[in-house]
């Protein structure tokens, strides 16, 4: 498949929306330095209506990236610091008896925000972690038999420390699967780190950056992402990747149908973000590790332990149509 040399002219309002999206990328890159690829993937995750898991060592910018996304995209923001003593009610809220009205009234918890940062999510117990499951999947929470809808759009950014660190509880596969993407930021390059050391504090900079989008515009962009064209040969390529992940002796657990749908959704969002006229194989390849890395499980005999290495094994083994 080859990219078309021309792209259909878009109406002015769509051009303005995409220009605002480009400005959002630039603003994010001015705060989180040297991480253009990771920022693009995070934006693609949001455009695809997914949730994002960032796994890395402390101090590499996970929290500031989540705060920057909320600020630049004009979303309400709440941070939940996950600890071993956190209770589900601390996350979703609780019913409190109102003596004046002689009735129970629901007090929403911090989960009721358009962008929720679940900070160090794997430091909480599985019971507390599970409080996010319904919110992430159903965009609602149930308390005392009543259902409460969450705001739209709804986006969870969770951070977690490496599982070998003290005081962590591994996320179960069912919860990992709720995240459309998992990213690692890694250390900045030398030039970016020097700019951090000699420049203005990033949080001070963040307060001065105006939002470039709002919730309504973001919803329109998400709707437009779902209309990005996916050709039959591209579907063939995705199916070939999924089939190989299930049949390879190097992989114990391959991609599920939900994982395949996540791959298409993320590739659509990436194509939209970069103004492609449709989804192309390089869109799939760019998002593959972020989408598939936490869903694939290597066979014990394979010797592969790194999710990136496992993802590369799948991409290298399947020919592009």
Protein backbone atom coordinates (compact mmCIF):
# COMPACT_ATOMS: atom_id res chain seq x y z
CA UNK A 1 0.00 0.00 0.00
CA UNK A 2 1.27 3.46 -0.85
CA UNK A 3 0.16 6.78 0.56
CA UNK A 4 -1.80 9.02 -1.71
CA UNK A 5 0.02 12.11 -2.90
CA UNK A 6 -2.94 14.38 -2.24
CA UNK A 7 -5.40 14.78 0.59
CA UNK A 8 -8.99 15.95 0.35
CA UNK A 9 -9.51 19.59 1.26
CA UNK A 10 -11.12 19.87 4.67
CA UNK A 11 -13.72 22.43 5.67
CA UNK A 12 -12.36 25.49 7.46
CA UNK A 13 -13.70 24.47 10.84
CA UNK A 14 -11.91 21.14 10.62
CA UNK A 15 -8.73 22.89 9.55
CA UNK A 16 -9.00 25.10 12.64
CA UNK A 17 -9.57 22.09 14.88
CA UNK A 18 -6.52 20.31 13.51
CA UNK A 19 -4.46 23.49 13.82
CA UNK A 20 -5.48 23.64 17.48
CA UNK A 21 -4.41 20.01 17.86
CA UNK A 22 -1.02 20.81 16.34
CA UNK A 23 -0.69 23.73 18.76
CA UNK A 24 -1.52 21.37 21.63
CA UNK A 25 1.33 19.08 20.57
CA UNK A 26 3.75 22.01 20.47
CA UNK A 27 2.64 23.20 23.91
CA UNK A 28 3.10 19.73 25.38
CA UNK A 29 6.55 19.45 23.79
CA UNK A 30 7.53 22.75 25.39
CA UNK A 31 6.77 21.31 28.84
CA UNK A 32 7.90 17.67 28.47
CA UNK A 33 11.13 18.04 26.53
CA UNK A 34 12.55 15.55 24.05
CA UNK A 35 9.54 13.21 24.13
CA UNK A 36 7.70 14.04 20.89
CA UNK A 37 6.96 10.37 20.11
CA UNK A 38 5.58 9.65 23.57
CA UNK A 39 3.48 12.84 23.54
CA UNK A 40 2.05 11.95 20.13
CA UNK A 41 1.11 8.49 21.41
CA UNK A 42 -0.50 9.96 24.54
CA UNK A 43 -2.60 12.32 22.41
CA UNK A 44 -3.52 9.47 20.07
CA UNK A 45 -4.64 7.45 23.09
CA UNK A 46 -6.97 10.26 24.18
CA UNK A 47 -8.28 10.83 20.66
CA UNK A 48 -9.13 7.12 20.49
CA UNK A 49 -11.15 7.43 23.75
CA UNK A 50 -8.68 5.20 25.57
CA UNK A 51 -6.85 5.23 28.89
CA UNK A 52 -3.10 5.55 29.32
CA UNK A 53 -0.67 3.72 31.62
CA UNK A 54 2.81 5.20 32.05
CA UNK A 55 5.33 2.86 33.67
CA UNK A 56 8.72 4.22 34.62
CA UNK A 57 11.08 5.20 37.39
CA UNK A 58 10.14 8.13 39.67
CA UNK A 59 11.15 11.59 38.51
CA UNK A 60 10.97 11.12 34.74
CA UNK A 61 7.96 13.35 34.06
CA UNK A 62 4.97 11.02 34.30
CA UNK A 63 2.93 13.34 36.53
CA UNK A 64 3.79 16.54 34.67
CA UNK A 65 2.75 14.91 31.39
CA UNK A 66 -0.70 14.09 32.82
CA UNK A 67 -1.07 17.61 34.23
CA UNK A 68 0.04 19.10 30.92
CA UNK A 69 -2.51 17.06 28.97
CA UNK A 70 -5.34 18.31 31.19
CA UNK A 71 -4.16 21.92 30.99
CA UNK A 72 -3.52 22.08 27.25
CA UNK A 73 -6.71 20.21 26.32
CA UNK A 74 -8.92 22.25 28.65
CA UNK A 75 -10.08 19.32 30.80
CA UNK A 76 -11.00 19.25 34.48
CA UNK A 77 -8.30 17.44 36.46
CA UNK A 78 -8.06 15.40 39.64
CA UNK A 79 -5.09 13.54 41.06
CA UNK A 80 -5.48 10.43 43.22
CA UNK A 81 -2.36 9.38 45.10
CA UNK A 82 -2.59 5.61 45.40
CA UNK A 83 -1.25 4.21 48.68
CA UNK A 84 -1.57 0.92 50.52
CA UNK A 85 -4.29 2.29 52.82
CA UNK A 86 -6.46 3.79 50.04
CA UNK A 87 -10.09 2.63 50.08
CA UNK A 88 -12.50 2.36 47.14
CA UNK A 89 -14.69 5.06 48.72
CA UNK A 90 -11.70 7.41 48.66
CA UNK A 91 -11.77 7.09 44.88
CA UNK A 92 -15.43 6.96 43.81
CA UNK A 93 -17.06 8.85 46.66
CA UNK A 94 -19.45 8.05 49.49
CA UNK A 95 -23.06 8.65 50.55
CA UNK A 96 -23.33 11.04 53.52
CA UNK A 97 -26.43 11.50 55.65
CA UNK A 98 -27.82 15.04 55.45
CA UNK A 99 -29.56 15.76 58.76
CA UNK A 100 -31.45 18.77 57.41
CA UNK A 101 -32.97 16.79 54.52
CA UNK A 102 -33.08 13.52 56.47
CA UNK A 103 -31.61 11.64 53.52
CA UNK A 104 -28.34 10.32 52.17
CA UNK A 105 -26.57 12.47 49.59
CA UNK A 106 -23.79 11.24 47.36
CA UNK A 107 -20.48 13.09 47.67
CA UNK A 108 -18.50 12.46 44.46
CA UNK A 109 -14.91 11.36 44.82
CA UNK A 110 -11.91 12.50 42.78
CA UNK A 111 -12.75 10.03 40.03
CA UNK A 112 -15.34 12.59 38.83
CA UNK A 113 -13.08 14.62 36.55
CA UNK A 114 -12.49 14.60 32.81
CA UNK A 115 -8.85 13.63 33.27
CA UNK A 116 -7.97 11.60 36.34
CA UNK A 117 -4.38 10.93 37.30
CA UNK A 118 -4.11 7.63 39.19
CA UNK A 119 -0.62 8.25 40.54
CA UNK A 120 1.46 5.17 41.44
CA UNK A 121 -1.56 2.97 40.89
CA UNK A 122 0.35 -0.22 41.72
CA UNK A 123 1.11 0.94 45.27
CA UNK A 124 -2.55 0.40 46.24
CA UNK A 125 -4.09 -2.93 47.12
CA UNK A 126 -6.02 -4.89 44.46
CA UNK A 127 -9.29 -3.88 46.18
CA UNK A 128 -8.53 -0.19 45.70
CA UNK A 129 -7.25 -0.77 42.17
CA UNK A 130 -10.52 -2.49 41.25
CA UNK A 131 -12.48 0.69 42.08
CA UNK A 132 -11.24 2.09 38.78
CA UNK A 133 -12.45 -0.84 36.68
CA UNK A 134 -16.10 0.18 36.29
CA UNK A 135 -15.17 3.82 35.81
CA UNK A 136 -12.70 3.03 33.03
CA UNK A 137 -14.88 0.53 31.21
CA UNK A 138 -18.40 1.86 31.71
CA UNK A 139 -17.71 5.59 32.30
CA UNK A 140 -19.86 5.35 35.43
CA UNK A 141 -19.66 4.28 39.08
CA UNK A 142 -22.21 2.48 41.25
CA UNK A 143 -22.59 3.43 44.91
CA UNK A 144 -25.29 2.08 47.22
CA UNK A 145 -27.20 0.64 44.28
CA UNK A 146 -27.25 3.92 42.35
CA UNK A 147 -25.37 4.63 39.13
CA UNK A 148 -23.57 7.93 38.64
CA UNK A 149 -22.31 8.93 35.21
CA UNK A 150 -18.82 10.31 34.85
CA UNK A 151 -18.02 13.49 32.89
CA UNK A 152 -17.33 13.46 29.15
CA UNK A 153 -14.76 13.03 27.81
CA UNK A 154 -13.34 10.70 30.44
CA UNK A 155 -9.68 9.82 30.45
CA UNK A 156 -7.58 8.00 33.06
CA UNK A 157 -3.82 8.44 33.08
CA UNK A 158 -2.26 5.99 35.52
CA UNK A 159 1.38 5.88 36.50
CA UNK A 160 3.13 2.93 38.03
CA UNK A 161 6.60 2.22 39.32
CA UNK A 162 8.55 -0.84 38.13
CA UNK A 163 7.18 -3.99 39.76
CA UNK A 164 10.53 -4.82 41.38
CA UNK A 165 10.33 -1.74 43.61
CA UNK A 166 9.31 -2.08 47.26
CA UNK A 167 5.60 -1.84 48.11
CA UNK A 168 4.07 -2.51 44.70
CA UNK A 169 1.09 -4.72 43.83
CA UNK A 170 1.12 -5.96 40.21
CA UNK A 171 -1.90 -4.93 38.14
CA UNK A 172 -3.95 -7.98 37.08
CA UNK A 173 -4.32 -8.72 33.38
CA UNK A 174 -7.99 -7.70 33.46
CA UNK A 175 -7.06 -4.21 34.62
CA UNK A 176 -4.06 -3.88 32.30
CA UNK A 177 -6.41 -4.63 29.41
CA UNK A 178 -8.48 -1.54 30.32
CA UNK A 179 -5.57 0.64 29.21
CA UNK A 180 -5.45 1.29 25.49
CA UNK A 181 -1.72 2.06 25.68
CA UNK A 182 1.21 1.61 28.01
CA UNK A 183 4.18 3.96 27.59
CA UNK A 184 7.62 4.50 29.07
CA UNK A 185 9.16 7.97 29.02
CA UNK A 186 12.76 7.06 29.80
CA UNK A 187 15.59 9.49 30.51
CA UNK A 188 15.76 12.70 28.47
CA UNK A 189 18.53 13.16 25.91
CA UNK A 190 21.45 15.39 26.85
CA UNK A 191 20.16 18.52 25.11
CA UNK A 192 16.69 18.21 26.66
CA UNK A 193 18.11 17.59 30.12
CA UNK A 194 20.35 20.66 29.83
CA UNK A 195 17.32 22.74 28.86
CA UNK A 196 15.54 21.42 31.96
CA UNK A 197 18.49 22.25 34.20
CA UNK A 198 18.94 25.79 32.88
CA UNK A 199 15.32 26.72 32.14
CA UNK A 200 12.19 27.70 34.00
CA UNK A 201 10.46 25.27 36.33
CA UNK A 202 8.07 23.21 34.20
CA UNK A 203 5.10 23.62 36.56
CA UNK A 204 5.55 27.39 36.53
CA UNK A 205 5.59 27.26 32.73
CA UNK A 206 2.47 25.09 32.71
CA UNK A 207 0.47 27.69 34.62
CA UNK A 208 1.17 30.25 31.90
CA UNK A 209 0.18 28.06 28.93
CA UNK A 210 -3.41 28.68 27.78
CA UNK A 211 -5.66 25.75 26.81
CA UNK A 212 -5.70 25.17 23.06
CA UNK A 213 -8.79 22.93 23.05
CA UNK A 214 -11.88 22.39 25.17
CA UNK A 215 -13.98 19.36 26.01
CA UNK A 216 -16.54 20.01 23.24
CA UNK A 217 -13.88 20.39 20.54
CA UNK A 218 -12.08 17.32 21.81
CA UNK A 219 -15.32 15.34 21.52
CA UNK A 220 -15.68 16.46 17.89
CA UNK A 221 -12.11 15.41 17.17
CA UNK A 222 -12.75 12.00 18.74
CA UNK A 223 -15.81 11.59 16.51
CA UNK A 224 -13.70 12.51 13.47
CA UNK A 225 -11.08 9.93 14.41
CA UNK A 226 -13.69 7.19 14.14
CA UNK A 227 -14.31 8.22 10.53
CA UNK A 228 -10.67 7.86 9.41
CA UNK A 229 -10.59 5.41 6.50
CA UNK A 230 -9.23 1.90 7.10
CA UNK A 231 -8.72 -0.10 3.89
CA UNK A 232 -9.23 -3.83 3.45
CA UNK A 233 -5.46 -4.46 2.94
CA UNK A 234 -4.82 -2.63 6.21
CA UNK A 235 -7.34 -4.88 7.97
CA UNK A 236 -5.54 -7.86 6.41
CA UNK A 237 -2.27 -6.58 7.90
CA UNK A 238 -3.76 -6.15 11.38
CA UNK A 239 -5.29 -9.62 11.23
CA UNK A 240 -1.94 -11.07 10.17
CA UNK A 241 -0.25 -9.43 13.18
CA UNK A 242 -2.95 -10.71 15.52
CA UNK A 243 -2.82 -14.21 14.03
CA UNK A 244 0.96 -14.38 14.34
CA UNK A 245 0.78 -13.25 17.98
CA UNK A 246 -1.53 -16.21 18.70
CA UNK A 247 0.41 -18.82 16.71
CA UNK A 248 4.05 -17.93 17.42
CA UNK A 249 5.80 -20.42 19.74
CA UNK A 250 7.61 -17.43 21.27
CA UNK A 251 4.33 -16.01 22.60
CA UNK A 252 2.20 -17.66 25.26
CA UNK A 253 -0.73 -15.22 25.18
CA UNK A 254 -1.52 -13.40 21.95
CA UNK A 255 -3.79 -10.47 21.17
CA UNK A 256 -7.50 -10.86 21.89
CA UNK A 257 -10.27 -9.44 19.69
CA UNK A 258 -10.37 -6.46 22.08
CA UNK A 259 -6.64 -6.01 21.53
CA UNK A 260 -7.17 -6.04 17.75
CA UNK A 261 -9.88 -3.40 18.05
CA UNK A 262 -7.59 -1.33 20.26
CA UNK A 263 -4.86 -1.54 17.60
CA UNK A 264 -7.21 -0.25 14.89
CA UNK A 265 -8.52 2.55 17.12
CA UNK A 266 -5.02 3.69 18.09
CA UNK A 267 -3.78 3.55 14.48
CA UNK A 268 -6.78 5.63 13.39
CA UNK A 269 -6.00 8.25 16.03
CA UNK A 270 -2.32 8.35 15.07
CA UNK A 271 -3.20 8.79 11.39
CA UNK A 272 -5.60 11.60 12.30
CA UNK A 273 -3.01 13.31 14.50
CA UNK A 274 -0.47 13.34 11.67
CA UNK A 275 -3.05 14.41 9.05
CA UNK A 276 -2.83 11.20 7.03
CA UNK A 277 -5.59 10.63 4.50
CA UNK A 278 -6.19 7.16 5.95
CA UNK A 279 -4.55 4.53 8.14
CA UNK A 280 -1.27 3.18 6.77
CA UNK A 281 1.00 0.36 7.94
CA UNK A 282 3.44 2.76 9.58
CA UNK A 283 0.58 4.08 11.76
CA UNK A 284 -0.04 0.52 12.95
CA UNK A 285 3.66 -0.08 13.51
CA UNK A 286 4.11 3.17 15.46
CA UNK A 287 1.33 2.36 17.97
CA UNK A 288 1.86 -1.42 18.07
CA UNK A 289 4.26 -1.65 21.02
CA UNK A 290 2.21 0.78 23.12
CA UNK A 291 -1.02 -1.12 22.42
CA UNK A 292 0.25 -4.71 22.39
CA UNK A 293 3.20 -4.67 24.79
CA UNK A 294 1.12 -5.09 27.96
CA UNK A 295 -1.25 -7.58 26.30
CA UNK A 296 1.32 -10.04 24.96
CA UNK A 297 2.91 -12.62 27.24
CA UNK A 298 6.16 -14.28 26.13
CA UNK A 299 6.57 -18.04 26.34
CA UNK A 300 8.91 -19.10 29.14
CA UNK A 301 11.24 -20.81 26.67
CA UNK A 302 11.48 -17.81 24.36
CA UNK A 303 14.05 -15.89 26.37
CA UNK A 304 12.16 -12.66 25.56
CA UNK A 305 11.36 -10.57 28.60
CA UNK A 306 11.18 -7.03 27.25
CA UNK A 307 7.72 -5.97 25.91
CA UNK A 308 9.40 -3.83 23.26
CA UNK A 309 11.49 -6.75 22.06
CA UNK A 310 8.40 -8.97 21.90
CA UNK A 311 6.47 -6.35 19.91
CA UNK A 312 9.41 -5.97 17.51
CA UNK A 313 9.46 -9.76 17.06
CA UNK A 314 5.84 -9.66 15.87
CA UNK A 315 6.34 -6.67 13.54
CA UNK A 316 9.51 -8.12 12.01
CA UNK A 317 7.83 -11.46 11.39
CA UNK A 318 4.76 -10.22 9.50
CA UNK A 319 5.12 -8.79 5.99
CA UNK A 320 3.33 -5.56 5.04
CA UNK A 321 0.75 -6.11 2.25
